[in-house]
Amino acid sequence: MGGGGGDLRYEISQNAYIKLVLHARKHKTAAVNGVLVGRVSPQKNDVVEITDSVPLFHAHLGLLPNLEISLILIEEHYSAQGLGIVGYFHANERFDDLELNGVAKNIGDHICRYFPQSAVLLLDNKKLEALPKGKGLSPVMQLYTRDASKNWKLVGSDGGSQLVTKEPAANVVLLDYISSEKWHDVVDFDDHLDEISKDWLNPELFK
C-alpha cells in the first residue's frame, strides 16, 4: 500500500468524534491530542472506519516516553478487537490557530509507519463555535493526509466529503454534550498517569 490518503474516505463514529472534541473543550487554553482507532472497511477498501478514539495529553504533548507507553497500551487493547491506530487528532493552544505544527506532523509520521493510510485531524474552533448558529453536518475538524512526498496536506478546502461522521446527527449530539458540560468527565492519558484509577478508555462517558 502506498503512503498517503489519496482519495480515501474517513468515516468517524459519533462517539469517537465527540470524545475528541470534548477533550479539547475540557482544556480550552492548552493544546491537546489523541489517537484515532479503527480499520480499513472490510466491505470498501477505500474507506477507513474510525470506530473509537483515545484522548492522549493536555500537557507536554511531544514527550516521547509517555507517548510511546500510551501507544503500546492502546495497540494492545484494541488489537484483540481487530482494530489498530489509524490516525492522530490535534487541537492547537490558540483558538484561531489552524497550522499543523511539528509535534502533530511528527506523531502523524510515526503512526504512518504502521498504518500508511493514516489521517491527521485538526480541530477547527471557528467551525465548532458556529455550530449552535447553523445546521452544520460536517465535522468540526480539518483532514490532513500524506502526499507522495510524505508531506502532510490539507484535503480539499475543508476536508469536506472525504471526512464524514458515521451518524449524520453527530453535531447535534455534540452540542447537547457541550451544553451539559459533559467534557468534565473526559479522562486522558495525562490524567491516567497522574492517577492510575482514572480509566483512559472512558467507559462511562456515553452512558
Protein backbone atom coordinates (compact mmCIF):
# COMPACT_ATOMS: atom_id res chain seq x y z
CA MET A 1 0.00 0.00 0.00
CA GLY A 2 1.29 3.43 -0.90
CA GLY A 3 1.77 6.19 1.63
CA GLY A 4 -0.76 8.97 1.62
CA GLY A 5 -4.52 9.09 1.77
CA GLY A 6 -5.17 9.69 -1.96
CA ASP A 7 -8.93 9.54 -2.40
CA LEU A 8 -9.62 7.51 0.71
CA ARG A 9 -12.65 8.42 2.73
CA TYR A 10 -12.53 8.55 6.52
CA GLU A 11 -15.72 7.75 8.41
CA ILE A 12 -15.62 8.61 12.10
CA SER A 13 -18.13 7.21 14.57
CA GLN A 14 -20.16 9.62 16.66
CA ASN A 15 -18.60 8.59 19.98
CA ALA A 16 -15.03 8.75 18.66
CA TYR A 17 -15.70 12.21 17.22
CA ILE A 18 -17.45 13.64 20.28
CA LYS A 19 -14.83 12.30 22.70
CA LEU A 20 -12.05 14.19 20.89
CA VAL A 21 -13.95 17.47 20.78
CA LEU A 22 -14.93 17.22 24.45
CA HIS A 23 -11.29 16.58 25.36
CA ALA A 24 -10.25 19.76 23.55
CA ARG A 25 -13.11 21.64 25.18
CA LYS A 26 -12.06 20.49 28.66
CA HIS A 27 -8.59 22.01 28.16
CA LYS A 28 -9.55 25.10 26.17
CA THR A 29 -6.36 27.03 26.90
CA ALA A 30 -3.99 24.13 26.14
CA ALA A 31 -3.03 22.13 23.09
CA VAL A 32 -4.43 18.61 23.29
CA ASN A 33 -4.06 15.45 21.25
CA GLY A 34 -5.46 11.98 20.78
CA VAL A 35 -5.36 8.95 18.51
CA LEU A 36 -7.92 7.51 16.13
CA VAL A 37 -8.66 3.80 16.35
CA GLY A 38 -10.19 1.72 13.58
CA ARG A 39 -9.51 -0.30 10.43
CA VAL A 40 -9.89 -0.30 6.68
CA SER A 41 -13.52 -1.21 5.95
CA PRO A 42 -13.90 -4.94 5.13
CA GLN A 43 -16.57 -4.01 2.54
CA LYS A 44 -14.86 -1.00 0.93
CA ASN A 45 -11.09 -0.82 0.87
CA ASP A 46 -11.18 2.92 0.06
CA VAL A 47 -12.86 3.69 3.41
CA VAL A 48 -11.08 3.92 6.75
CA GLU A 49 -13.53 3.33 9.59
CA ILE A 50 -12.61 5.31 12.73
CA THR A 51 -14.56 3.41 15.36
CA ASP A 52 -13.07 4.86 18.54
CA SER A 53 -10.64 7.48 19.80
CA VAL A 54 -8.36 7.84 22.81
CA PRO A 55 -7.59 11.26 24.33
CA LEU A 56 -3.85 11.41 24.99
CA PHE A 57 -2.40 14.55 26.56
CA HIS A 58 -3.09 18.16 27.54
CA ALA A 59 0.47 18.92 28.74
CA HIS A 60 3.87 18.06 27.22
CA LEU A 61 2.31 16.72 24.03
CA GLY A 62 5.60 15.71 22.46
CA LEU A 63 7.08 13.92 25.48
CA LEU A 64 8.32 10.72 23.89
CA PRO A 65 8.34 8.20 26.79
CA ASN A 66 4.72 8.95 27.72
CA LEU A 67 3.66 8.88 24.09
CA GLU A 68 5.31 5.52 23.46
CA ILE A 69 3.80 3.97 26.59
CA SER A 70 0.33 5.18 25.62
CA LEU A 71 0.58 3.94 22.02
CA ILE A 72 1.71 0.48 23.16
CA LEU A 73 -1.17 0.20 25.66
CA ILE A 74 -3.70 1.40 23.09
CA GLU A 75 -2.47 -1.04 20.42
CA GLU A 76 -2.52 -3.92 22.92
CA HIS A 77 -6.07 -3.19 23.99
CA TYR A 78 -7.60 -2.75 20.54
CA SER A 79 -5.70 -5.42 18.58
CA ALA A 80 -7.83 -8.08 20.29
CA GLN A 81 -10.83 -6.48 18.54
CA GLY A 82 -9.10 -6.44 15.16
CA LEU A 83 -8.55 -2.69 15.38
CA GLY A 84 -5.46 -0.51 15.40
CA ILE A 85 -4.32 3.10 15.46
CA VAL A 86 -5.32 4.70 12.15
CA GLY A 87 -4.64 8.38 12.77
CA TYR A 88 -3.99 11.30 15.05
CA PHE A 89 -6.05 14.21 16.40
CA HIS A 90 -4.64 17.59 17.38
CA ALA A 91 -6.09 20.80 18.80
CA ASN A 92 -3.87 23.87 18.95
CA GLU A 93 -3.47 26.05 22.03
CA ARG A 94 -4.66 29.24 20.33
CA PHE A 95 -8.31 29.40 19.30
CA ASP A 96 -7.60 30.77 15.81
CA ASP A 97 -4.53 28.65 15.04
CA LEU A 98 -5.12 26.31 12.10
CA GLU A 99 -1.49 25.43 11.44
CA LEU A 100 -0.47 21.80 11.62
CA ASN A 101 2.62 22.09 13.82
CA GLY A 102 5.78 20.00 14.12
CA VAL A 103 4.55 17.85 17.01
CA ALA A 104 1.39 16.91 15.11
CA LYS A 105 3.34 16.09 11.94
CA ASN A 106 5.93 14.01 13.81
CA ILE A 107 3.33 11.92 15.64
CA GLY A 108 1.38 11.57 12.39
CA ASP A 109 4.56 10.35 10.65
CA HIS A 110 5.15 7.83 13.44
CA ILE A 111 1.64 6.38 13.04
CA CYS A 112 2.08 6.28 9.23
CA ARG A 113 4.92 3.81 9.63
CA TYR A 114 2.41 1.26 10.91
CA PHE A 115 -0.70 2.42 9.01
CA PRO A 116 0.26 4.17 5.74
CA GLN A 117 -3.29 5.47 5.09
CA SER A 118 -3.18 7.34 8.39
CA ALA A 119 -5.01 10.67 8.75
CA VAL A 120 -4.41 13.68 10.95
CA LEU A 121 -7.46 15.61 12.14
CA LEU A 122 -7.04 19.20 13.31
CA LEU A 123 -9.78 20.86 15.37
CA ASP A 124 -11.34 23.90 13.70
CA ASN A 125 -12.54 26.09 16.57
CA LYS A 126 -14.35 28.50 14.28
CA LYS A 127 -16.49 25.68 12.90
CA LEU A 128 -17.13 24.48 16.44
CA GLU A 129 -18.15 27.96 17.57
CA ALA A 130 -20.50 28.32 14.61
CA LEU A 131 -22.32 25.02 15.29
CA PRO A 132 -25.09 26.43 17.53
CA LYS A 133 -25.89 29.08 14.89
CA GLY A 134 -26.25 26.72 11.95
CA LYS A 135 -27.16 23.30 10.77
CA GLY A 136 -23.60 22.17 10.01
CA LEU A 137 -23.41 18.44 9.45
CA SER A 138 -19.72 18.27 8.54
CA PRO A 139 -17.14 17.50 11.25
CA VAL A 140 -15.57 20.49 13.04
CA MET A 141 -12.13 19.20 12.01
CA GLN A 142 -9.79 19.57 9.10
CA LEU A 143 -8.48 16.43 7.39
CA TYR A 144 -4.80 16.04 6.52
CA THR A 145 -3.23 13.10 4.68
CA ARG A 146 0.31 12.47 3.47
CA ASP A 147 1.12 13.02 -0.18
CA ALA A 148 3.61 11.03 -2.29
CA SER A 149 6.46 13.21 -0.95
CA LYS A 150 5.42 12.33 2.62
CA ASN A 151 4.25 15.89 3.37
CA TRP A 152 1.01 16.45 5.28
CA LYS A 153 -1.54 18.23 3.07
CA LEU A 154 -4.97 19.62 3.83
CA VAL A 155 -7.55 17.60 1.88
CA GLY A 156 -9.82 19.92 -0.09
CA SER A 157 -10.64 23.37 1.20
CA ASP A 158 -12.08 21.88 4.37
CA GLY A 159 -11.59 18.12 4.03
CA GLY A 160 -15.32 18.14 3.24
CA SER A 161 -16.61 14.95 1.72
CA GLN A 162 -13.56 12.78 2.47
CA LEU A 163 -14.16 13.10 6.22
CA VAL A 164 -17.67 12.26 7.38
CA THR A 165 -19.33 11.34 10.65
CA LYS A 166 -20.94 7.90 10.52
CA GLU A 167 -24.07 9.23 12.22
CA PRO A 168 -25.45 12.35 10.44
CA ALA A 169 -26.70 13.92 13.69
CA ALA A 170 -23.32 13.75 15.48
CA ASN A 171 -23.05 17.54 15.75
CA VAL A 172 -26.50 17.79 17.35
CA VAL A 173 -25.46 15.25 19.98
CA LEU A 174 -22.11 17.04 20.42
CA LEU A 175 -23.88 20.35 21.14
CA ASP A 176 -26.07 18.61 23.69
CA TYR A 177 -22.99 17.24 25.48
CA ILE A 178 -21.30 20.65 25.39
CA SER A 179 -24.34 22.40 26.85
CA SER A 180 -24.47 19.85 29.69
CA GLU A 181 -20.70 20.33 30.27
CA LYS A 182 -20.05 16.64 29.68
CA TRP A 183 -16.39 17.45 28.94
CA HIS A 184 -15.66 17.44 32.69
CA ASP A 185 -15.91 13.62 32.57
CA VAL A 186 -13.28 13.02 29.85
CA VAL A 187 -10.15 11.19 31.04
CA ASP A 188 -6.92 11.33 29.03
CA PHE A 189 -3.54 9.63 29.44
CA ASP A 190 -2.17 12.59 31.41
CA ASP A 191 -4.98 12.06 33.95
CA HIS A 192 -4.34 8.30 34.00
CA LEU A 193 -0.58 8.71 34.57
CA ASP A 194 -1.32 11.10 37.45
CA GLU A 195 -3.92 8.80 38.96
CA ILE A 196 -3.92 5.21 37.70
CA SER A 197 -7.53 4.58 38.79
CA LYS A 198 -8.72 7.01 36.08
CA ASP A 199 -9.61 4.95 33.01
CA TRP A 200 -8.32 6.29 29.66
CA LEU A 201 -10.90 4.15 27.86
CA ASN A 202 -13.67 6.42 29.24
CA PRO A 203 -16.16 3.52 29.58
CA GLU A 204 -18.73 5.65 31.42
CA LEU A 205 -18.63 8.71 29.16
CA PHE A 206 -21.60 7.91 26.96
CA LYS A 207 -23.73 6.04 29.50
